[in-house]
Amino acid sequence: MNAVTQEILDTFSQIAVIPRCSGNEAAISRWLQQWAGDHGFAHQADSAGNVVIRIPATAGYEQAPIVVLQGHTDMVGQKTPESKHDFQTDPIRLVYDGDWLKADQTTLGADNGIGVAMGLVLAKDPNLAHPPLELLFTVDEEVGMSGAGALEPEFVRGRILLNIDSEEEGMFTIGCAGGRNTTIMLPLMFASLPEHVRPFTLSATGMRGGHSGDDIRKFRANANKIVARALNRIQASFDIRLVAFKGGSVANAIPREAEATFAVDPKHAPAIQAQMADHERIVREEHPDDPQVTIRLTEADSDYAGYATAAFDYFANERLRTGLSQQNTDTIIDLLCALPHGVARMSPSIEGLVETSNNLAIVEIRDGLLQVLSSQRSSARSQLDELTARIEAVALLAGASVSSSAAYPGWNPNMASPLLARCQETYRSLFGIEPGFESCHAGLECGIIGSHYEGMDMISLGPTIRDCHSPDERAHIPSIPRVWDFLVNLLATYH
């Protein structure tokens, strides 16, 4: 490992100490401003928590155009079932595994902490030749890109932007999908349960999950859909009443675990166990990328206290044998089975590119409501609206209320981009091979930033990162110096 790679990783390790899941970026924002002050750089923070650090040009580059190096400060918090990690307070524990950097049972946060670290190390190196730089670090990218959406007109002055948030070294991203979220709320009714029934918990675990944009094309299993299908199969043979449901935790990660508690006559438990063993076999066959899917039925606490409080408000110190009404049970199962998940449409113009998809991200019975969050993406606004309307229609037919967020814009590729041509020539001259370029199905802030700043010429790049938004996230260490060398050589061309 060369010295600059070690410095980048050391800087990333300082970032990893700071809890910074989406919505909790105040500390990393303060740290960046302190870093800028310590190194004598002008800097500014806005009311959203975005930070810009202005780096003067080196001698001879004063008349060159300003180049913006951009990344986001937040990360997705996902952990294994056995992990005790608290993303609000605990540092990410880094693990070196050969050529890969991982975390201990959690997401790593290389998305996008490595990009932030690279910008900082580059800016403070006095031996590098570069034009005036703006390091732009935005908040809340992973949830709704509200940081980029809050950028003010004069916050950024440059009109050439290098987004260091792509995840395949040697591949330039030149376009991305737009998106929006839909929240579904179904009021619940509760009724007494027959004396002879007992509570059982059905759990689905062991899925790989992953990024709901980049990994949706891999057809990985969604735990919410698996549990819904299982309940539908059980309900076809036996009378059940739902008590609780919880699956998924963030909008942009494919759910890896889900569980539902329901009441049923215990004499049917062996038959249901057999059904679930068969269901597990089917799911594994359908999802070869998820060979560790596990579906289990276990008897739950018979007094219902824990499940009742999770499902609805009830009087303190009372232990009621209460579950959802039969109508609610039927409606919830039908709704979760009917709601789509996964690839809805492939691009008709770019082979192999997912155009439109959605992630059935979060399902929970809480506060007397069934609460569902679906996240839609598309590179075609008309298809984004169509899929959102379809999801809303299914929810309305079930008697639920729906609310969809405003759409954030996609980023249309510009094959005539001067920055793209310069990047291709630099990469070709440096490494002797042609770089790739692609439009991706993930959401990048380039679309929003471009809508704020007219004439912005943009490209996205970065070191190789695998399995983002899951505890398997890992960064390929040998790809870091290649990205570094590319950035250094590219900036030097702006003489």
Protein backbone atom coordinates (compact mmCIF):
# COMPACT_ATOMS: atom_id res chain seq x y z
CA MET A 1 0.00 0.00 0.00
CA ASN A 2 1.52 3.32 -1.01
CA ALA A 3 1.67 6.38 1.25
CA VAL A 4 -1.20 8.29 -0.33
CA THR A 5 -3.54 5.28 -0.15
CA GLN A 6 -2.67 4.91 3.52
CA GLU A 7 -3.37 8.60 4.08
CA ILE A 8 -6.76 8.29 2.38
CA LEU A 9 -7.64 5.28 4.54
CA ASP A 10 -6.41 7.05 7.67
CA THR A 11 -8.62 10.03 6.84
CA PHE A 12 -11.55 7.70 6.19
CA SER A 13 -10.95 6.05 9.57
CA GLN A 14 -11.34 9.48 11.21
CA ILE A 15 -14.63 9.94 9.37
CA ALA A 16 -15.79 6.43 10.35
CA VAL A 17 -15.48 7.34 14.04
CA ILE A 18 -18.25 9.92 13.62
CA PRO A 19 -21.85 8.59 13.66
CA ARG A 20 -23.37 9.99 10.47
CA CYS A 21 -26.44 8.12 9.30
CA SER A 22 -28.88 10.23 7.32
CA GLY A 23 -30.43 12.90 9.52
CA ASN A 24 -27.52 12.77 11.97
CA GLU A 25 -24.83 14.69 10.07
CA ALA A 26 -24.33 17.65 12.42
CA ALA A 27 -21.15 16.19 13.91
CA ILE A 28 -19.52 15.39 10.55
CA SER A 29 -20.46 18.87 9.30
CA ARG A 30 -18.71 20.44 12.31
CA TRP A 31 -15.70 18.16 11.80
CA LEU A 32 -15.34 19.23 8.17
CA GLN A 33 -15.51 22.90 9.10
CA GLN A 34 -12.91 22.35 11.80
CA TRP A 35 -10.71 20.53 9.27
CA ALA A 36 -11.00 23.45 6.86
CA GLY A 37 -10.13 25.97 9.56
CA ASP A 38 -7.16 23.92 10.75
CA HIS A 39 -5.77 23.90 7.19
CA GLY A 40 -6.45 27.59 6.53
CA PHE A 41 -9.14 27.10 3.88
CA ALA A 42 -12.17 29.34 3.44
CA HIS A 43 -15.37 27.42 4.11
CA GLN A 44 -19.08 27.87 4.47
CA ALA A 45 -21.99 25.84 5.84
CA ASP A 46 -25.65 26.36 5.02
CA SER A 47 -28.74 25.81 7.14
CA ALA A 48 -29.16 22.25 5.83
CA GLY A 49 -25.67 21.22 6.99
CA ASN A 50 -24.00 21.21 3.56
CA VAL A 51 -20.38 22.36 3.63
CA VAL A 52 -18.24 23.90 0.89
CA ILE A 53 -14.47 24.29 1.32
CA ARG A 54 -12.66 26.56 -1.13
CA ILE A 55 -9.12 25.62 -2.15
CA PRO A 56 -6.99 28.21 -4.01
CA ALA A 57 -5.39 27.27 -7.30
CA THR A 58 -1.74 26.33 -7.35
CA ALA A 59 0.71 28.68 -9.06
CA GLY A 60 0.05 28.94 -12.78
CA TYR A 61 -3.53 27.67 -12.51
CA GLU A 62 -5.16 30.82 -11.21
CA GLN A 63 -7.06 31.49 -14.45
CA ALA A 64 -8.36 27.93 -14.81
CA PRO A 65 -12.06 27.23 -14.21
CA ILE A 66 -13.17 26.17 -10.74
CA VAL A 67 -13.60 22.39 -10.40
CA VAL A 68 -16.04 21.06 -7.80
CA LEU A 69 -15.21 17.78 -6.03
CA GLN A 70 -18.48 16.55 -4.52
CA GLY A 71 -19.57 13.81 -2.15
CA HIS A 72 -22.14 13.22 0.57
CA THR A 73 -21.46 12.94 4.28
CA ASP A 74 -24.26 10.59 5.34
CA MET A 75 -24.30 6.79 5.21
CA VAL A 76 -26.85 3.98 5.35
CA GLY A 77 -26.98 2.16 8.69
CA GLN A 78 -27.52 -1.58 8.29
CA LYS A 79 -26.24 -4.34 10.58
CA THR A 80 -26.41 -8.08 11.04
CA PRO A 81 -29.07 -9.49 13.40
CA GLU A 82 -26.46 -10.33 16.03
CA SER A 83 -24.76 -6.92 15.96
CA LYS A 84 -25.20 -4.65 19.00
CA HIS A 85 -23.98 -1.59 17.09
CA ASP A 86 -25.78 1.70 17.79
CA PHE A 87 -25.52 3.93 14.71
CA GLN A 88 -26.44 6.99 16.78
CA THR A 89 -23.43 6.73 19.06
CA ASP A 90 -20.93 4.03 18.02
CA PRO A 91 -17.98 4.37 15.63
CA ILE A 92 -17.79 2.05 12.63
CA ARG A 93 -15.24 -0.67 13.38
CA LEU A 94 -13.02 -1.20 10.35
CA VAL A 95 -11.76 -4.63 9.29
CA TYR A 96 -8.96 -5.19 6.77
CA ASP A 97 -9.40 -8.40 4.78
CA GLY A 98 -6.66 -8.74 2.18
CA ASP A 99 -7.40 -6.29 -0.64
CA TRP A 100 -10.73 -5.32 0.90
CA LEU A 101 -11.80 -2.95 3.67
CA LYS A 102 -14.98 -3.97 5.51
CA ALA A 103 -16.76 -3.21 8.78
CA ASP A 104 -17.52 -5.41 11.76
CA GLN A 105 -21.12 -6.61 11.17
CA THR A 106 -22.31 -3.23 9.82
CA THR A 107 -22.29 -1.13 6.70
CA LEU A 108 -18.87 0.38 6.10
CA GLY A 109 -19.86 3.88 5.00
CA ALA A 110 -17.35 3.89 2.16
CA ASP A 111 -20.44 5.08 0.32
CA ASN A 112 -19.53 7.95 0.41
CA GLY A 113 -16.89 8.37 3.12
CA ILE A 114 -14.07 7.22 0.83
CA GLY A 115 -14.98 9.93 -1.67
CA VAL A 116 -15.01 12.56 1.09
CA ALA A 117 -11.60 11.37 2.33
CA MET A 118 -10.09 11.50 -1.16
CA GLY A 119 -11.22 15.09 -1.62
CA LEU A 120 -9.70 16.15 1.69
CA VAL A 121 -6.35 14.47 1.07
CA LEU A 122 -6.12 15.92 -2.42
CA ALA A 123 -6.95 19.45 -1.25
CA LYS A 124 -4.24 19.62 1.41
CA ASP A 125 -1.37 18.24 -0.70
CA PRO A 126 0.85 21.26 -1.57
CA ASN A 127 2.73 19.33 -4.25
CA LEU A 128 -0.25 18.81 -6.55
CA ALA A 129 -1.03 21.07 -9.49
CA HIS A 130 -4.70 21.96 -9.74
CA PRO A 131 -7.16 24.74 -10.62
CA PRO A 132 -9.28 26.45 -7.97
CA LEU A 133 -11.27 23.74 -6.15
CA GLU A 134 -14.51 23.64 -4.25
CA LEU A 135 -15.05 20.63 -2.01
CA LEU A 136 -18.84 20.29 -1.77
CA PHE A 137 -20.11 17.91 0.90
CA THR A 138 -23.89 17.42 1.05
CA VAL A 139 -26.15 15.87 3.68
CA ASP A 140 -29.06 13.43 3.54
CA GLU A 141 -28.21 11.93 0.16
CA GLU A 142 -29.22 8.42 1.18
CA VAL A 143 -32.78 9.25 2.25
CA GLY A 144 -34.13 11.97 0.00
CA MET A 145 -31.21 14.06 -1.31
CA SER A 146 -32.62 16.99 0.63
CA GLY A 147 -29.14 18.43 1.16
CA ALA A 148 -28.56 18.81 -2.56
CA GLY A 149 -32.12 20.08 -2.89
CA ALA A 150 -31.42 22.85 -0.37
CA LEU A 151 -28.34 24.28 -2.16
CA GLU A 152 -28.51 28.04 -2.62
CA PRO A 153 -27.58 29.76 -5.93
CA GLU A 154 -24.26 31.26 -4.75
CA PHE A 155 -23.15 28.38 -2.53
CA VAL A 156 -21.26 26.76 -5.40
CA ARG A 157 -19.39 28.84 -7.98
CA GLY A 158 -17.79 26.17 -10.18
CA ARG A 159 -19.49 24.70 -13.23
CA ILE A 160 -17.35 21.56 -13.61
CA LEU A 161 -18.28 18.86 -11.13
CA LEU A 162 -16.61 15.56 -10.25
CA ASN A 163 -19.00 13.52 -8.12
CA ILE A 164 -16.84 10.93 -6.26
CA ASP A 165 -19.77 8.63 -5.46
CA SER A 166 -19.68 5.91 -8.11
CA GLU A 167 -18.62 2.39 -7.20
CA GLU A 168 -16.67 0.87 -10.10
CA GLU A 169 -13.14 2.08 -10.85
CA GLY A 170 -12.67 2.59 -14.58
CA MET A 171 -16.36 3.25 -15.17
CA PHE A 172 -17.62 6.82 -15.50
CA THR A 173 -21.25 7.43 -14.64
CA ILE A 174 -22.86 9.97 -16.97
CA GLY A 175 -26.54 9.65 -16.01
CA CYS A 176 -28.79 8.33 -13.25
CA ALA A 177 -32.39 7.68 -12.27
CA GLY A 178 -34.76 10.02 -10.53
CA GLY A 179 -37.07 8.85 -7.80
CA ARG A 180 -39.74 9.40 -5.17
CA ASN A 181 -41.17 7.64 -2.11
CA THR A 182 -44.73 6.60 -1.32
CA THR A 183 -46.01 6.20 2.24
CA ILE A 184 -49.08 4.05 2.87
CA MET A 185 -51.12 4.21 6.10
CA LEU A 186 -53.92 1.78 6.94
CA PRO A 187 -55.93 2.33 10.17
CA LEU A 188 -56.33 -0.89 12.12
CA MET A 189 -59.11 -2.43 14.17
CA PHE A 190 -58.57 -4.90 17.00
CA ALA A 191 -60.73 -7.66 18.35
CA SER A 192 -60.56 -10.36 20.99
CA LEU A 193 -59.03 -13.67 19.97
CA PRO A 194 -60.56 -17.10 20.56
CA GLU A 195 -59.33 -18.85 23.70
CA HIS A 196 -57.86 -21.83 21.86
CA VAL A 197 -55.41 -19.92 19.62
CA ARG A 198 -51.78 -19.15 20.43
CA PRO A 199 -49.28 -16.67 18.94
CA PHE A 200 -46.58 -17.79 16.50
CA THR A 201 -43.85 -15.70 14.90
CA LEU A 202 -42.89 -16.22 11.28
CA SER A 203 -39.45 -14.85 10.42
CA ALA A 204 -37.51 -14.52 7.17
CA THR A 205 -33.77 -13.92 7.54
CA GLY A 206 -30.46 -14.55 5.79
CA MET A 207 -30.99 -12.41 2.71
CA ARG A 208 -28.18 -10.36 1.19
CA GLY A 209 -30.24 -7.22 0.68
CA GLY A 210 -28.21 -4.46 -0.90
CA HIS A 211 -28.64 -1.15 -2.69
CA SER A 212 -32.21 -0.73 -3.90
CA GLY A 213 -30.96 0.89 -7.10
CA ASP A 214 -27.72 -0.83 -8.10
CA ASP A 215 -28.70 -4.28 -6.80
CA ILE A 216 -32.37 -4.38 -7.82
CA ARG A 217 -31.37 -5.93 -11.16
CA LYS A 218 -29.90 -8.91 -9.28
CA PHE A 219 -33.40 -10.01 -8.21
CA ARG A 220 -32.39 -10.49 -4.60
CA ALA A 221 -35.07 -11.60 -2.17
CA ASN A 222 -37.13 -8.98 -0.33
CA ALA A 223 -37.95 -10.18 3.19
CA ASN A 224 -41.21 -8.22 3.31
CA LYS A 225 -42.49 -9.94 0.18
CA ILE A 226 -41.34 -13.37 1.38
CA VAL A 227 -43.25 -13.04 4.65
CA ALA A 228 -46.33 -11.69 2.87
CA ARG A 229 -46.32 -14.65 0.46
CA ALA A 230 -45.85 -17.05 3.36
CA LEU A 231 -48.79 -15.57 5.24
CA ASN A 232 -50.93 -15.78 2.12
CA ARG A 233 -50.06 -19.46 1.79
CA ILE A 234 -50.82 -20.17 5.45
CA GLN A 235 -54.07 -18.23 5.30
CA ALA A 236 -55.28 -20.31 2.36
CA SER A 237 -55.31 -23.38 4.61
CA PHE A 238 -55.83 -22.11 8.17
CA ASP A 239 -57.64 -19.38 10.07
CA ILE A 240 -55.08 -16.85 11.29
CA ARG A 241 -55.20 -13.38 12.82
CA LEU A 242 -52.26 -11.01 12.54
CA VAL A 243 -50.82 -9.43 15.68
CA ALA A 244 -47.60 -7.74 14.45
CA PHE A 245 -45.45 -7.19 11.37
CA LYS A 246 -42.03 -5.56 11.06
CA GLY A 247 -39.61 -5.63 8.13
CA GLY A 248 -37.00 -3.37 6.59
CA SER A 249 -35.50 -0.21 8.04
CA VAL A 250 -34.49 2.27 5.31
CA ALA A 251 -35.90 3.28 1.93
CA ASN A 252 -32.86 2.51 -0.19
CA ALA A 253 -31.85 -0.91 1.12
CA ILE A 254 -33.56 -4.12 0.03
CA PRO A 255 -35.03 -5.60 3.26
CA ARG A 256 -32.95 -8.48 4.60
CA GLU A 257 -35.18 -9.50 7.55
CA ALA A 258 -38.88 -9.40 8.34
CA GLU A 259 -41.19 -11.09 10.80
CA ALA A 260 -44.89 -11.35 11.46
CA THR A 261 -46.70 -12.61 14.54
CA PHE A 262 -50.11 -14.20 14.11
CA ALA A 263 -52.56 -16.24 16.17
CA VAL A 264 -53.59 -19.74 15.09
CA ASP A 265 -54.83 -22.98 16.58
CA PRO A 266 -51.62 -24.69 17.80
CA LYS A 267 -52.74 -28.04 16.40
CA HIS A 268 -51.99 -26.63 12.94
CA ALA A 269 -48.38 -25.74 13.80
CA PRO A 270 -46.81 -28.95 12.40
CA ALA A 271 -48.61 -28.52 9.09
CA ILE A 272 -47.56 -24.85 8.91
CA GLN A 273 -43.98 -25.85 9.70
CA ALA A 274 -44.07 -28.21 6.73
CA GLN A 275 -45.51 -25.47 4.51
CA MET A 276 -42.73 -23.10 5.52
CA ALA A 277 -40.01 -25.65 4.84
CA ASP A 278 -41.39 -25.97 1.33
CA HIS A 279 -41.72 -22.20 1.01
CA GLU A 280 -38.05 -21.80 2.00
CA ARG A 281 -37.05 -24.27 -0.70
CA ILE A 282 -39.05 -22.38 -3.32
CA VAL A 283 -37.64 -19.00 -2.33
CA ARG A 284 -34.06 -20.29 -2.51
CA GLU A 285 -34.72 -21.69 -5.98
CA GLU A 286 -36.24 -18.39 -7.11
CA HIS A 287 -33.37 -16.33 -5.69
CA PRO A 288 -30.03 -18.04 -6.37
CA ASP A 289 -28.23 -14.91 -5.17
CA ASP A 290 -29.71 -15.57 -1.70
CA PRO A 291 -28.79 -19.17 -0.84
CA GLN A 292 -28.99 -18.52 2.92
CA VAL A 293 -32.65 -17.50 3.07
CA THR A 294 -34.15 -18.97 6.23
CA ILE A 295 -37.87 -19.08 7.06
CA ARG A 296 -38.82 -20.14 10.57
CA LEU A 297 -42.01 -20.53 12.58
CA THR A 298 -41.62 -20.32 16.36
CA GLU A 299 -44.12 -20.17 19.18
CA ALA A 300 -44.31 -16.67 20.64
CA ASP A 301 -44.96 -15.43 24.16
CA SER A 302 -48.42 -16.70 25.04
CA ASP A 303 -49.51 -13.65 27.05
CA TYR A 304 -49.21 -11.38 23.98
CA ALA A 305 -47.90 -8.49 26.06
CA GLY A 306 -44.93 -7.67 23.87
CA TYR A 307 -46.79 -8.12 20.62
CA ALA A 308 -49.83 -6.17 21.71
CA THR A 309 -47.80 -3.12 22.66
CA ALA A 310 -45.96 -3.29 19.34
CA ALA A 311 -49.22 -3.48 17.42
CA PHE A 312 -51.39 -0.87 19.11
CA ASP A 313 -51.95 1.33 22.13
CA TYR A 314 -53.63 -0.47 24.98
CA PHE A 315 -54.29 0.20 28.62
CA ALA A 316 -51.32 -0.09 30.94
CA ASN A 317 -51.01 -3.28 32.98
CA GLU A 318 -53.69 -5.07 30.98
CA ARG A 319 -52.77 -8.23 29.12
CA LEU A 320 -55.41 -8.55 26.44
CA ARG A 321 -55.72 -11.51 24.12
CA THR A 322 -56.25 -9.18 21.22
CA GLY A 323 -55.20 -9.18 17.60
CA LEU A 324 -56.11 -7.46 14.39
CA SER A 325 -59.60 -8.01 13.11
CA GLN A 326 -60.13 -10.71 10.51
CA GLN A 327 -60.87 -8.03 7.94
CA ASN A 328 -57.61 -6.21 8.69
CA THR A 329 -55.67 -9.48 8.59
CA ASP A 330 -57.07 -10.32 5.16
CA THR A 331 -56.54 -6.79 3.84
CA ILE A 332 -52.94 -6.50 5.02
CA ILE A 333 -51.93 -9.83 3.51
CA ASP A 334 -53.67 -9.01 0.22
CA LEU A 335 -52.14 -5.51 0.14
CA LEU A 336 -48.57 -6.72 0.76
CA CYS A 337 -48.94 -9.44 -1.84
CA ALA A 338 -50.36 -6.98 -4.40
CA LEU A 339 -47.79 -4.21 -3.93
CA PRO A 340 -44.96 -4.54 -6.46
CA HIS A 341 -41.27 -4.88 -5.75
CA GLY A 342 -38.32 -5.10 -8.11
CA VAL A 343 -37.71 -4.31 -11.77
CA ALA A 344 -40.80 -2.91 -13.47
CA ARG A 345 -39.28 -2.07 -16.85
CA MET A 346 -35.91 -2.28 -18.59
CA SER A 347 -34.63 0.62 -20.67
CA PRO A 348 -35.83 0.38 -24.29
CA SER A 349 -32.75 2.30 -25.51
CA ILE A 350 -29.83 1.16 -23.31
CA GLU A 351 -29.28 -2.59 -23.21
CA GLY A 352 -29.08 -4.05 -19.72
CA LEU A 353 -30.11 -0.87 -17.89
CA VAL A 354 -33.02 -0.99 -15.46
CA GLU A 355 -35.27 1.91 -16.35
CA THR A 356 -37.94 1.66 -13.63
CA SER A 357 -38.18 -0.22 -10.33
CA ASN A 358 -39.40 0.00 -6.78
CA ASN A 359 -38.31 -1.28 -3.38
CA LEU A 360 -41.01 -2.39 -0.90
CA ALA A 361 -38.72 -1.04 1.77
CA ILE A 362 -40.45 -0.87 5.16
CA VAL A 363 -43.52 -2.56 6.60
CA GLU A 364 -44.54 -2.09 10.23
CA ILE A 365 -47.61 -2.33 12.43
CA ARG A 366 -47.23 0.55 14.87
CA ASP A 367 -49.40 3.12 16.66
CA GLY A 368 -52.63 1.55 15.46
CA LEU A 369 -51.58 1.68 11.83
CA LEU A 370 -50.06 -0.46 9.13
CA GLN A 371 -47.25 1.73 7.82
CA VAL A 372 -45.61 0.91 4.48
CA LEU A 373 -42.87 2.73 2.59
CA SER A 374 -42.17 2.07 -1.09
CA SER A 375 -39.26 3.73 -2.93
CA GLN A 376 -39.55 4.15 -6.72
CA ARG A 377 -36.78 4.93 -9.22
CA SER A 378 -36.81 5.58 -12.96
CA SER A 379 -34.77 7.31 -15.64
CA ALA A 380 -38.08 8.13 -17.40
CA ARG A 381 -40.28 10.59 -15.51
CA SER A 382 -43.45 9.27 -17.15
CA GLN A 383 -42.68 5.74 -15.96
CA LEU A 384 -41.82 6.98 -12.47
CA ASP A 385 -45.22 8.64 -12.30
CA GLU A 386 -46.97 5.57 -13.73
CA LEU A 387 -45.42 3.16 -11.20
CA THR A 388 -46.15 5.55 -8.34
CA ALA A 389 -49.77 5.85 -9.48
CA ARG A 390 -50.06 2.06 -9.62
CA ILE A 391 -48.77 1.70 -6.05
CA GLU A 392 -51.12 4.44 -4.87
CA ALA A 393 -54.06 2.75 -6.59
CA VAL A 394 -53.38 -0.60 -4.93
CA ALA A 395 -53.20 1.11 -1.54
CA LEU A 396 -56.41 3.06 -2.12
CA LEU A 397 -58.24 -0.10 -3.14
CA ALA A 398 -57.21 -1.57 0.22
CA GLY A 399 -58.74 1.40 2.02
CA ALA A 400 -55.42 2.98 2.99
CA SER A 401 -54.31 6.58 2.69
CA VAL A 402 -51.30 7.40 0.52
CA SER A 403 -48.79 10.21 0.28
CA SER A 404 -46.01 10.43 -2.32
CA SER A 405 -43.04 12.75 -2.04
CA ALA A 406 -42.02 15.19 -4.72
CA ALA A 407 -39.84 13.52 -7.32
CA TYR A 408 -36.14 14.27 -7.40
CA PRO A 409 -34.81 14.63 -10.95
CA GLY A 410 -32.72 12.16 -12.85
CA TRP A 411 -29.60 13.07 -14.78
CA ASN A 412 -29.72 12.74 -18.54
CA PRO A 413 -26.44 11.67 -20.22
CA ASN A 414 -24.62 14.27 -22.31
CA MET A 415 -22.43 12.48 -24.82
CA ALA A 416 -21.09 15.84 -26.04
CA SER A 417 -19.81 16.75 -22.56
CA PRO A 418 -16.33 18.36 -22.68
CA LEU A 419 -15.66 16.92 -19.22
CA LEU A 420 -16.44 13.40 -20.43
CA ALA A 421 -14.05 13.79 -23.37
CA ARG A 422 -11.33 15.13 -21.07
CA CYS A 423 -11.85 12.27 -18.61
CA GLN A 424 -11.69 9.66 -21.35
CA GLU A 425 -8.48 11.11 -22.79
CA THR A 426 -6.85 11.38 -19.36
CA TYR A 427 -7.75 7.81 -18.42
CA ARG A 428 -6.59 6.47 -21.79
CA SER A 429 -3.26 8.31 -21.57
CA LEU A 430 -2.66 7.26 -17.98
CA PHE A 431 -3.63 3.57 -18.06
CA GLY A 432 -3.46 2.66 -21.74
CA ILE A 433 -7.04 1.39 -21.86
CA GLU A 434 -10.44 2.84 -22.62
CA PRO A 435 -12.62 3.61 -19.59
CA GLY A 436 -16.23 2.55 -19.61
CA PHE A 437 -19.18 4.85 -19.19
CA GLU A 438 -22.75 4.16 -18.16
CA SER A 439 -26.00 5.55 -16.95
CA CYS A 440 -26.94 3.94 -13.62
CA HIS A 441 -30.22 3.05 -11.96
CA ALA A 442 -29.13 4.45 -8.61
CA GLY A 443 -29.91 8.01 -7.64
CA LEU A 444 -27.02 10.47 -7.67
CA GLU A 445 -27.05 14.09 -6.58
CA CYS A 446 -25.84 15.20 -10.01
CA GLY A 447 -29.41 15.50 -11.28
CA ILE A 448 -30.41 17.83 -8.45
CA ILE A 449 -27.17 19.82 -8.51
CA GLY A 450 -27.49 20.24 -12.27
CA SER A 451 -31.02 21.57 -11.83
CA HIS A 452 -29.72 24.20 -9.37
CA TYR A 453 -26.72 25.36 -11.37
CA GLU A 454 -27.31 25.92 -15.06
CA GLY A 455 -24.51 24.79 -17.33
CA MET A 456 -22.94 22.39 -14.83
CA ASP A 457 -20.79 19.79 -16.66
CA MET A 458 -20.71 16.66 -14.53
CA ILE A 459 -19.33 13.16 -14.25
CA SER A 460 -19.33 10.60 -11.45
CA LEU A 461 -16.49 8.25 -10.58
CA GLY A 462 -14.99 6.45 -7.61
CA PRO A 463 -13.14 3.40 -6.31
CA THR A 464 -14.70 -0.05 -6.45
CA ILE A 465 -17.21 -0.71 -3.66
CA ARG A 466 -19.37 -3.82 -3.38
CA ASP A 467 -22.69 -4.54 -1.63
CA CYS A 468 -23.46 -1.01 -0.53
CA HIS A 469 -26.33 -0.52 1.92
CA SER A 470 -25.74 -3.93 3.50
CA PRO A 471 -23.40 -5.31 6.19
CA ASP A 472 -21.42 -6.94 3.36
CA GLU A 473 -20.31 -3.51 2.07
CA ARG A 474 -16.60 -3.49 1.24
CA ALA A 475 -14.14 -1.23 -0.56
CA HIS A 476 -11.44 -2.55 -2.89
CA ILE A 477 -8.21 -1.02 -1.62
CA PRO A 478 -6.14 -1.41 -4.87
CA SER A 479 -8.74 0.64 -6.76
CA ILE A 480 -8.17 3.68 -4.53
CA PRO A 481 -4.71 4.67 -5.89
CA ARG A 482 -5.97 4.29 -9.47
CA VAL A 483 -8.77 6.78 -8.81
CA TRP A 484 -6.29 9.04 -7.05
CA ASP A 485 -3.85 8.98 -9.97
CA PHE A 486 -6.69 9.72 -12.37
CA LEU A 487 -7.95 12.70 -10.34
CA VAL A 488 -4.46 14.16 -9.95
CA ASN A 489 -3.72 13.87 -13.67
CA LEU A 490 -7.14 15.15 -14.70
CA LEU A 491 -6.87 18.29 -12.55
CA ALA A 492 -3.40 18.96 -13.91
CA THR A 493 -4.85 19.24 -17.44
CA TYR A 494 -6.69 22.46 -16.52
CA HIS A 495 -3.57 24.58 -16.99
